[in-house]
Amino acid sequence: MGKPLIPAQRREKIQEYLGIHQIARTVDLMDVLDTSEATVRRDLEWLEQKGILERTHGGAILNQRVMFDQEFQQRIKNFPNEKKIIGELAASLIEEGDIIFVNSGSTAAQVLKNIPPNPRITVYTNNMSVLTDIAEPVFKLHLIGGEFQSRSNSLAGRFAFDNLGLVFANKAILGVDGISLKHGCTVPTNPEAEVVRRMIERTKGQVIVVADHSKWGAVSNFPVAEIDEINKLVTDNGLSKQAKREIGEYDVEVLVAK
């Protein structure tokens, strides 16, 4: 057994481990640091207070801040295959007679592209991708109106907020930029957050979040929902088993697109 590490060395190694794995179990860190569970827990608590990580049941995840410097077109290029199959799976949850809210974002855009062809499905969205991605909608499509947000290719603002107050949906399918146990679901801008929160408020049924695995542990600027406010998470198989278990403890059904 080597010389015990001082706290600064242990915490640096924890950050290095999370930088590679994004998620760590306490038992694994005990092996890496060659120290006790109590010491690891104290180090995790210290790092959480510094905003570096978020403690979970039995370990921690890297606290990744999402900056909105990435333009919409750049974000579309991230994990395109995962977003495609997530969109297909989420769209398959839509049934005849449904009234659906869909928000902005590249994963939500994939949902819109895969909605079943049925004139008895009604969609309300602020996602402007429908104008370029769907030549002729085979479902009832309503743009909610509002001020155009060029950076996110979406509609938002007071007009959008008020128009959402005129309808109830029985499902909301929502893309987010970050999802974590501590901070819930988050998005990059306040106008989009207002729209998403309004959609959730006006949904008298399931709230379904669509997010690829890279969104887990990420925290964007504006919260829209706690974990226990959503019913389903549609993601890809890059999401760790530990993350699935922890999300499931909040009675959220995790659906994995393959």
C-alpha atoms as a PDB file:
ATOM      1  CA  MET A   1       0.000   0.000   0.000  1.00  0.00           C
ATOM      2  CA  GLY A   2       1.479   3.346  -1.068  1.00  0.00           C
ATOM      3  CA  LYS A   3       1.575   6.635   0.711  1.00  0.00           C
ATOM      4  CA  PRO A   4      -1.995   7.956   1.315  1.00  0.00           C
ATOM      5  CA  LEU A   5      -3.077  10.764  -1.000  1.00  0.00           C
ATOM      6  CA  ILE A   6      -3.769  14.186   0.421  1.00  0.00           C
ATOM      7  CA  PRO A   7      -7.299  15.618  -0.156  1.00  0.00           C
ATOM      8  CA  ALA A   8      -6.253  17.783  -3.121  1.00  0.00           C
ATOM      9  CA  GLN A   9      -4.704  14.760  -4.868  1.00  0.00           C
ATOM     10  CA  ARG A  10      -7.775  12.608  -4.241  1.00  0.00           C
ATOM     11  CA  ARG A  11     -10.115  15.266  -5.593  1.00  0.00           C
ATOM     12  CA  GLU A  12      -7.969  15.752  -8.670  1.00  0.00           C
ATOM     13  CA  LYS A  13      -8.078  12.004  -9.362  1.00  0.00           C
ATOM     14  CA  ILE A  14     -11.854  11.975  -8.926  1.00  0.00           C
ATOM     15  CA  GLN A  15     -12.153  14.773 -11.492  1.00  0.00           C
ATOM     16  CA  GLU A  16      -9.839  12.905 -13.880  1.00  0.00           C
ATOM     17  CA  TYR A  17     -11.945   9.753 -13.494  1.00  0.00           C
ATOM     18  CA  LEU A  18     -15.185  11.643 -14.148  1.00  0.00           C
ATOM     19  CA  GLY A  19     -13.616  13.429 -17.100  1.00  0.00           C
ATOM     20  CA  ILE A  20     -13.118  10.022 -18.734  1.00  0.00           C
ATOM     21  CA  HIS A  21     -16.230   8.156 -17.539  1.00  0.00           C
ATOM     22  CA  GLN A  22     -18.696  11.001 -16.763  1.00  0.00           C
ATOM     23  CA  ILE A  23     -20.118   8.782 -14.031  1.00  0.00           C
ATOM     24  CA  ALA A  24     -18.496   7.069 -11.066  1.00  0.00           C
ATOM     25  CA  ARG A  25     -19.561   4.619  -8.383  1.00  0.00           C
ATOM     26  CA  THR A  26     -18.338   5.135  -4.854  1.00  0.00           C
ATOM     27  CA  VAL A  27     -16.918   1.593  -4.764  1.00  0.00           C
ATOM     28  CA  ASP A  28     -14.881   2.262  -7.920  1.00  0.00           C
ATOM     29  CA  LEU A  29     -13.471   5.476  -6.472  1.00  0.00           C
ATOM     30  CA  MET A  30     -12.531   3.610  -3.297  1.00  0.00           C
ATOM     31  CA  ASP A  31     -10.389   1.297  -5.442  1.00  0.00           C
ATOM     32  CA  VAL A  32      -8.896   4.128  -7.504  1.00  0.00           C
ATOM     33  CA  LEU A  33      -7.987   6.175  -4.440  1.00  0.00           C
ATOM     34  CA  ASP A  34      -7.246   3.230  -2.141  1.00  0.00           C
ATOM     35  CA  THR A  35      -9.277   4.822   0.619  1.00  0.00           C
ATOM     36  CA  SER A  36     -12.442   4.358   2.667  1.00  0.00           C
ATOM     37  CA  GLU A  37     -16.051   4.943   1.670  1.00  0.00           C
ATOM     38  CA  ALA A  38     -16.351   7.747   4.243  1.00  0.00           C
ATOM     39  CA  THR A  39     -13.372   9.587   2.725  1.00  0.00           C
ATOM     40  CA  VAL A  40     -14.759   9.267  -0.788  1.00  0.00           C
ATOM     41  CA  ARG A  41     -18.126  10.589   0.356  1.00  0.00           C
ATOM     42  CA  ARG A  42     -16.462  13.630   1.974  1.00  0.00           C
ATOM     43  CA  ASP A  43     -14.510  14.340  -1.212  1.00  0.00           C
ATOM     44  CA  LEU A  44     -17.648  14.012  -3.342  1.00  0.00           C
ATOM     45  CA  GLU A  45     -19.499  16.372  -1.028  1.00  0.00           C
ATOM     46  CA  TRP A  46     -16.667  18.921  -1.298  1.00  0.00           C
ATOM     47  CA  LEU A  47     -16.599  18.682  -5.101  1.00  0.00           C
ATOM     48  CA  GLU A  48     -20.380  19.002  -5.284  1.00  0.00           C
ATOM     49  CA  GLN A  49     -20.232  22.203  -3.239  1.00  0.00           C
ATOM     50  CA  LYS A  50     -17.760  23.540  -5.812  1.00  0.00           C
ATOM     51  CA  GLY A  51     -20.230  22.718  -8.617  1.00  0.00           C
ATOM     52  CA  ILE A  52     -17.901  20.162 -10.216  1.00  0.00           C
ATOM     53  CA  LEU A  53     -20.114  17.120  -9.844  1.00  0.00           C
ATOM     54  CA  GLU A  54     -23.541  16.000  -8.722  1.00  0.00           C
ATOM     55  CA  ARG A  55     -23.814  13.248  -6.160  1.00  0.00           C
ATOM     56  CA  THR A  56     -26.133  10.345  -6.928  1.00  0.00           C
ATOM     57  CA  HIS A  57     -27.184   7.204  -5.073  1.00  0.00           C
ATOM     58  CA  GLY A  58     -23.936   5.289  -4.810  1.00  0.00           C
ATOM     59  CA  GLY A  59     -21.670   7.672  -6.664  1.00  0.00           C
ATOM     60  CA  ALA A  60     -21.531  10.858  -8.726  1.00  0.00           C
ATOM     61  CA  ILE A  61     -21.878  12.276 -12.227  1.00  0.00           C
ATOM     62  CA  LEU A  62     -19.898  15.043 -13.844  1.00  0.00           C
ATOM     63  CA  ASN A  63     -21.724  18.371 -13.694  1.00  0.00           C
ATOM     64  CA  GLN A  64     -21.475  19.540 -17.282  1.00  0.00           C
ATOM     65  CA  ARG A  65     -22.493  23.121 -17.950  1.00  0.00           C
ATOM     66  CA  VAL A  66     -24.139  23.606 -21.347  1.00  0.00           C
ATOM     67  CA  MET A  67     -23.327  26.922 -22.951  1.00  0.00           C
ATOM     68  CA  PHE A  68     -25.572  28.372 -25.640  1.00  0.00           C
ATOM     69  CA  ASP A  69     -22.629  29.479 -27.757  1.00  0.00           C
ATOM     70  CA  GLN A  70     -23.363  26.517 -30.010  1.00  0.00           C
ATOM     71  CA  GLU A  71     -25.691  27.697 -32.744  1.00  0.00           C
ATOM     72  CA  PHE A  72     -28.707  25.572 -33.671  1.00  0.00           C
ATOM     73  CA  GLN A  73     -27.128  24.289 -36.886  1.00  0.00           C
ATOM     74  CA  GLN A  74     -24.051  23.151 -34.992  1.00  0.00           C
ATOM     75  CA  ARG A  75     -26.112  21.318 -32.362  1.00  0.00           C
ATOM     76  CA  ILE A  76     -27.961  19.444 -35.101  1.00  0.00           C
ATOM     77  CA  LYS A  77     -24.655  17.789 -36.018  1.00  0.00           C
ATOM     78  CA  ASN A  78     -24.187  16.275 -32.548  1.00  0.00           C
ATOM     79  CA  PHE A  79     -25.248  12.594 -32.312  1.00  0.00           C
ATOM     80  CA  PRO A  80     -27.438  12.666 -35.458  1.00  0.00           C
ATOM     81  CA  ASN A  81     -28.070   8.907 -35.562  1.00  0.00           C
ATOM     82  CA  GLU A  82     -29.088   8.811 -31.917  1.00  0.00           C
ATOM     83  CA  LYS A  83     -31.472  11.728 -32.397  1.00  0.00           C
ATOM     84  CA  LYS A  84     -33.009  10.037 -35.423  1.00  0.00           C
ATOM     85  CA  ILE A  85     -33.843   6.781 -33.662  1.00  0.00           C
ATOM     86  CA  ILE A  86     -34.999   8.645 -30.542  1.00  0.00           C
ATOM     87  CA  GLY A  87     -37.345  10.696 -32.721  1.00  0.00           C
ATOM     88  CA  GLU A  88     -38.694   7.560 -34.381  1.00  0.00           C
ATOM     89  CA  LEU A  89     -39.361   5.830 -31.055  1.00  0.00           C
ATOM     90  CA  ALA A  90     -40.975   8.901 -29.470  1.00  0.00           C
ATOM     91  CA  ALA A  91     -43.203   9.431 -32.517  1.00  0.00           C
ATOM     92  CA  SER A  92     -44.358   5.814 -32.282  1.00  0.00           C
ATOM     93  CA  LEU A  93     -45.932   6.684 -28.903  1.00  0.00           C
ATOM     94  CA  ILE A  94     -48.387   9.021 -30.645  1.00  0.00           C
ATOM     95  CA  GLU A  95     -51.853   7.580 -31.235  1.00  0.00           C
ATOM     96  CA  GLU A  96     -54.905   8.484 -33.254  1.00  0.00           C
ATOM     97  CA  GLY A  97     -56.838  11.299 -31.595  1.00  0.00           C
ATOM     98  CA  ASP A  98     -53.820  12.679 -29.728  1.00  0.00           C
ATOM     99  CA  ILE A  99     -53.247  16.398 -29.319  1.00  0.00           C
ATOM    100  CA  ILE A 100     -49.498  16.901 -28.941  1.00  0.00           C
ATOM    101  CA  PHE A 101     -47.160  19.677 -27.904  1.00  0.00           C
ATOM    102  CA  VAL A 102     -43.661  19.531 -29.438  1.00  0.00           C
ATOM    103  CA  ASN A 103     -41.046  22.162 -28.658  1.00  0.00           C
ATOM    104  CA  SER A 104     -37.929  23.372 -30.459  1.00  0.00           C
ATOM    105  CA  GLY A 105     -34.603  21.593 -30.839  1.00  0.00           C
ATOM    106  CA  SER A 106     -32.973  19.071 -33.123  1.00  0.00           C
ATOM    107  CA  THR A 107     -34.238  15.942 -31.341  1.00  0.00           C
ATOM    108  CA  ALA A 108     -37.790  17.311 -31.206  1.00  0.00           C
ATOM    109  CA  ALA A 109     -37.453  18.036 -34.938  1.00  0.00           C
ATOM    110  CA  GLN A 110     -36.852  14.324 -35.498  1.00  0.00           C
ATOM    111  CA  VAL A 111     -40.064  13.571 -33.632  1.00  0.00           C
ATOM    112  CA  LEU A 112     -41.988  15.882 -35.963  1.00  0.00           C
ATOM    113  CA  LYS A 113     -40.488  14.186 -39.033  1.00  0.00           C
ATOM    114  CA  ASN A 114     -41.706  10.769 -37.846  1.00  0.00           C
ATOM    115  CA  ILE A 115     -45.253  11.473 -36.671  1.00  0.00           C
ATOM    116  CA  PRO A 116     -47.628   8.847 -38.100  1.00  0.00           C
ATOM    117  CA  PRO A 117     -49.677   9.954 -41.128  1.00  0.00           C
ATOM    118  CA  ASN A 118     -53.081  10.449 -39.571  1.00  0.00           C
ATOM    119  CA  PRO A 119     -55.416  13.437 -39.961  1.00  0.00           C
ATOM    120  CA  ARG A 120     -56.771  12.750 -36.453  1.00  0.00           C
ATOM    121  CA  ILE A 121     -53.424  13.627 -34.859  1.00  0.00           C
ATOM    122  CA  THR A 122     -53.031  17.314 -33.971  1.00  0.00           C
ATOM    123  CA  VAL A 123     -49.666  18.925 -33.238  1.00  0.00           C
ATOM    124  CA  TYR A 124     -48.917  22.342 -31.744  1.00  0.00           C
ATOM    125  CA  THR A 125     -45.274  23.374 -31.998  1.00  0.00           C
ATOM    126  CA  ASN A 126     -42.873  26.305 -31.918  1.00  0.00           C
ATOM    127  CA  ASN A 127     -40.276  24.313 -33.885  1.00  0.00           C
ATOM    128  CA  MET A 128     -39.662  26.080 -37.194  1.00  0.00           C
ATOM    129  CA  SER A 129     -37.932  23.036 -38.683  1.00  0.00           C
ATOM    130  CA  VAL A 130     -41.392  21.873 -39.773  1.00  0.00           C
ATOM    131  CA  LEU A 131     -41.279  24.465 -42.557  1.00  0.00           C
ATOM    132  CA  THR A 132     -38.254  22.843 -44.169  1.00  0.00           C
ATOM    133  CA  ASP A 133     -38.390  19.226 -42.991  1.00  0.00           C
ATOM    134  CA  ILE A 134     -42.065  18.480 -43.663  1.00  0.00           C
ATOM    135  CA  ALA A 135     -43.143  19.385 -47.185  1.00  0.00           C
ATOM    136  CA  GLU A 136     -46.784  18.447 -46.705  1.00  0.00           C
ATOM    137  CA  PRO A 137     -47.906  17.479 -43.185  1.00  0.00           C
ATOM    138  CA  VAL A 138     -50.026  14.330 -42.965  1.00  0.00           C
ATOM    139  CA  PHE A 139     -51.401  15.402 -39.589  1.00  0.00           C
ATOM    140  CA  LYS A 140     -53.009  18.600 -38.329  1.00  0.00           C
ATOM    141  CA  LEU A 141     -50.184  21.060 -37.717  1.00  0.00           C
ATOM    142  CA  HIS A 142     -50.374  24.356 -35.825  1.00  0.00           C
ATOM    143  CA  LEU A 143     -47.482  26.759 -35.342  1.00  0.00           C
ATOM    144  CA  ILE A 144     -48.112  28.515 -32.041  1.00  0.00           C
ATOM    145  CA  GLY A 145     -46.924  31.886 -33.336  1.00  0.00           C
ATOM    146  CA  GLY A 146     -44.705  34.342 -31.548  1.00  0.00           C
ATOM    147  CA  GLU A 147     -41.410  36.096 -32.081  1.00  0.00           C
ATOM    148  CA  PHE A 148     -38.875  34.257 -34.246  1.00  0.00           C
ATOM    149  CA  GLN A 149     -35.760  33.117 -32.363  1.00  0.00           C
ATOM    150  CA  SER A 150     -33.077  32.831 -35.031  1.00  0.00           C
ATOM    151  CA  ARG A 151     -30.481  31.117 -32.839  1.00  0.00           C
ATOM    152  CA  SER A 152     -32.833  28.242 -31.994  1.00  0.00           C
ATOM    153  CA  ASN A 153     -34.990  28.339 -35.157  1.00  0.00           C
ATOM    154  CA  SER A 154     -38.104  28.595 -33.018  1.00  0.00           C
ATOM    155  CA  LEU A 155     -41.002  30.799 -31.944  1.00  0.00           C
ATOM    156  CA  ALA A 156     -41.373  32.191 -28.432  1.00  0.00           C
ATOM    157  CA  GLY A 157     -42.470  35.252 -26.497  1.00  0.00           C
ATOM    158  CA  ARG A 158     -45.767  36.554 -25.143  1.00  0.00           C
ATOM    159  CA  PHE A 159     -47.810  35.744 -28.246  1.00  0.00           C
ATOM    160  CA  ALA A 160     -46.662  32.100 -28.160  1.00  0.00           C
ATOM    161  CA  PHE A 161     -47.296  31.893 -24.410  1.00  0.00           C
ATOM    162  CA  ASP A 162     -50.830  33.276 -24.724  1.00  0.00           C
ATOM    163  CA  ASN A 163     -51.729  31.041 -27.671  1.00  0.00           C
ATOM    164  CA  LEU A 164     -50.717  27.938 -25.723  1.00  0.00           C
ATOM    165  CA  GLY A 165     -53.272  28.992 -23.119  1.00  0.00           C
ATOM    166  CA  LEU A 166     -56.039  28.366 -25.659  1.00  0.00           C
ATOM    167  CA  VAL A 167     -55.540  24.598 -25.865  1.00  0.00           C
ATOM    168  CA  PHE A 168     -54.913  21.516 -23.747  1.00  0.00           C
ATOM    169  CA  ALA A 169     -52.796  18.620 -25.022  1.00  0.00           C
ATOM    170  CA  ASN A 170     -52.879  15.027 -23.854  1.00  0.00           C
ATOM    171  CA  LYS A 171     -49.160  14.509 -24.576  1.00  0.00           C
ATOM    172  CA  ALA A 172     -46.102  16.747 -24.632  1.00  0.00           C
ATOM    173  CA  ILE A 173     -42.904  15.561 -26.331  1.00  0.00           C
ATOM    174  CA  LEU A 174     -40.090  17.856 -25.326  1.00  0.00           C
ATOM    175  CA  GLY A 175     -36.410  18.151 -26.143  1.00  0.00           C
ATOM    176  CA  VAL A 176     -34.052  19.512 -23.478  1.00  0.00           C
ATOM    177  CA  ASP A 177     -30.373  20.460 -23.383  1.00  0.00           C
ATOM    178  CA  GLY A 178     -29.674  19.026 -19.957  1.00  0.00           C
ATOM    179  CA  ILE A 179     -31.186  16.545 -17.523  1.00  0.00           C
ATOM    180  CA  SER A 180     -29.934  15.719 -14.039  1.00  0.00           C
ATOM    181  CA  LEU A 181     -31.339  14.435 -10.760  1.00  0.00           C
ATOM    182  CA  LYS A 182     -30.506  17.610  -8.877  1.00  0.00           C
ATOM    183  CA  HIS A 183     -31.384  20.281 -11.449  1.00  0.00           C
ATOM    184  CA  GLY A 184     -34.007  18.463 -13.499  1.00  0.00           C
ATOM    185  CA  CYS A 185     -34.606  19.348 -17.148  1.00  0.00           C
ATOM    186  CA  THR A 186     -33.015  22.541 -18.442  1.00  0.00           C
ATOM    187  CA  VAL A 187     -32.905  24.532 -21.691  1.00  0.00           C
ATOM    188  CA  PRO A 188     -30.559  27.298 -22.910  1.00  0.00           C
ATOM    189  CA  THR A 189     -32.809  30.371 -23.175  1.00  0.00           C
ATOM    190  CA  ASN A 190     -35.523  31.959 -21.069  1.00  0.00           C
ATOM    191  CA  PRO A 191     -37.967  32.403 -24.004  1.00  0.00           C
ATOM    192  CA  GLU A 192     -37.784  28.669 -24.746  1.00  0.00           C
ATOM    193  CA  ALA A 193     -38.086  27.840 -21.035  1.00  0.00           C
ATOM    194  CA  GLU A 194     -41.298  29.866 -20.828  1.00  0.00           C
ATOM    195  CA  VAL A 195     -42.748  27.957 -23.790  1.00  0.00           C
ATOM    196  CA  VAL A 196     -41.780  24.538 -22.392  1.00  0.00           C
ATOM    197  CA  ARG A 197     -43.117  25.275 -18.918  1.00  0.00           C
ATOM    198  CA  ARG A 198     -46.377  26.491 -20.485  1.00  0.00           C
ATOM    199  CA  MET A 199     -46.623  23.314 -22.569  1.00  0.00           C
ATOM    200  CA  ILE A 200     -46.182  21.168 -19.457  1.00  0.00           C
ATOM    201  CA  GLU A 201     -48.773  23.232 -17.590  1.00  0.00           C
ATOM    202  CA  ARG A 202     -51.289  22.750 -20.423  1.00  0.00           C
ATOM    203  CA  THR A 203     -50.697  18.999 -20.802  1.00  0.00           C
ATOM    204  CA  LYS A 204     -53.364  16.781 -19.250  1.00  0.00           C
ATOM    205  CA  GLY A 205     -51.496  13.565 -19.823  1.00  0.00           C
ATOM    206  CA  GLN A 206     -47.986  12.273 -20.356  1.00  0.00           C
ATOM    207  CA  VAL A 207     -44.914  14.502 -20.446  1.00  0.00           C
ATOM    208  CA  ILE A 208     -42.270  12.758 -22.563  1.00  0.00           C
ATOM    209  CA  VAL A 209     -38.690  14.043 -22.703  1.00  0.00           C
ATOM    210  CA  VAL A 210     -36.466  13.162 -25.669  1.00  0.00           C
ATOM    211  CA  ALA A 211     -32.733  13.435 -25.009  1.00  0.00           C
ATOM    212  CA  ASP A 212     -29.651  11.573 -26.195  1.00  0.00           C
ATOM    213  CA  HIS A 213     -27.231  10.179 -23.604  1.00  0.00           C
ATOM    214  CA  SER A 214     -24.937  13.232 -23.717  1.00  0.00           C
ATOM    215  CA  LYS A 215     -27.666  15.320 -22.048  1.00  0.00           C
ATOM    216  CA  TRP A 216     -27.464  13.226 -18.852  1.00  0.00           C
ATOM    217  CA  GLY A 217     -25.616  15.143 -16.151  1.00  0.00           C
ATOM    218  CA  ALA A 218     -25.622  18.308 -18.245  1.00  0.00           C
ATOM    219  CA  VAL A 219     -27.100  21.517 -16.847  1.00  0.00           C
ATOM    220  CA  SER A 220     -28.242  24.327 -19.110  1.00  0.00           C
ATOM    221  CA  ASN A 221     -29.325  27.820 -18.086  1.00  0.00           C
ATOM    222  CA  PHE A 222     -33.070  27.662 -17.368  1.00  0.00           C
ATOM    223  CA  PRO A 223     -35.012  24.901 -15.547  1.00  0.00           C
ATOM    224  CA  VAL A 224     -38.291  23.674 -17.011  1.00  0.00           C
ATOM    225  CA  ALA A 225     -39.187  20.561 -14.992  1.00  0.00           C
ATOM    226  CA  GLU A 226     -38.065  18.417 -12.090  1.00  0.00           C
ATOM    227  CA  ILE A 227     -37.396  14.763 -12.820  1.00  0.00           C
ATOM    228  CA  ASP A 228     -40.610  13.681 -11.091  1.00  0.00           C
ATOM    229  CA  GLU A 229     -42.663  15.989 -13.348  1.00  0.00           C
ATOM    230  CA  ILE A 230     -41.971  13.858 -16.417  1.00  0.00           C
ATOM    231  CA  ASN A 231     -43.454  10.454 -17.216  1.00  0.00           C
ATOM    232  CA  LYS A 232     -41.119   9.039 -19.859  1.00  0.00           C
ATOM    233  CA  LEU A 233     -37.558   9.604 -21.058  1.00  0.00           C
ATOM    234  CA  VAL A 234     -36.768   8.464 -24.587  1.00  0.00           C
ATOM    235  CA  THR A 235     -33.015   8.118 -25.042  1.00  0.00           C
ATOM    236  CA  ASP A 236     -30.353   5.937 -26.695  1.00  0.00           C
ATOM    237  CA  ASN A 237     -28.347   2.985 -25.399  1.00  0.00           C
ATOM    238  CA  GLY A 238     -25.413   5.231 -24.528  1.00  0.00           C
ATOM    239  CA  LEU A 239     -27.174   6.044 -21.258  1.00  0.00           C
ATOM    240  CA  SER A 240     -25.542   4.099 -18.424  1.00  0.00           C
ATOM    241  CA  LYS A 241     -27.356   1.405 -16.444  1.00  0.00           C
ATOM    242  CA  GLN A 242     -26.808   3.389 -13.255  1.00  0.00           C
ATOM    243  CA  ALA A 243     -28.460   6.458 -14.781  1.00  0.00           C
ATOM    244  CA  LYS A 244     -31.444   4.356 -15.868  1.00  0.00           C
ATOM    245  CA  ARG A 245     -31.831   2.964 -12.363  1.00  0.00           C
ATOM    246  CA  GLU A 246     -31.639   6.389 -10.744  1.00  0.00           C
ATOM    247  CA  ILE A 247     -34.147   7.924 -13.157  1.00  0.00           C
ATOM    248  CA  GLY A 248     -36.441   4.934 -12.652  1.00  0.00           C
ATOM    249  CA  GLU A 249     -36.505   5.599  -8.900  1.00  0.00           C
ATOM    250  CA  TYR A 250     -38.528   8.738  -9.732  1.00  0.00           C
ATOM    251  CA  ASP A 251     -41.169   6.598 -11.500  1.00  0.00           C
ATOM    252  CA  VAL A 252     -39.948   7.785 -14.889  1.00  0.00           C
ATOM    253  CA  GLU A 253     -40.125   5.110 -17.583  1.00  0.00           C
ATOM    254  CA  VAL A 254     -36.898   5.006 -19.586  1.00  0.00           C
ATOM    255  CA  LEU A 255     -37.360   3.938 -23.216  1.00  0.00           C
ATOM    256  CA  VAL A 256     -34.162   3.104 -25.110  1.00  0.00           C
ATOM    257  CA  ALA A 257     -34.064   3.527 -28.875  1.00  0.00           C
ATOM    258  CA  LYS A 258     -31.901   0.934 -30.628  1.00  0.00           C
END
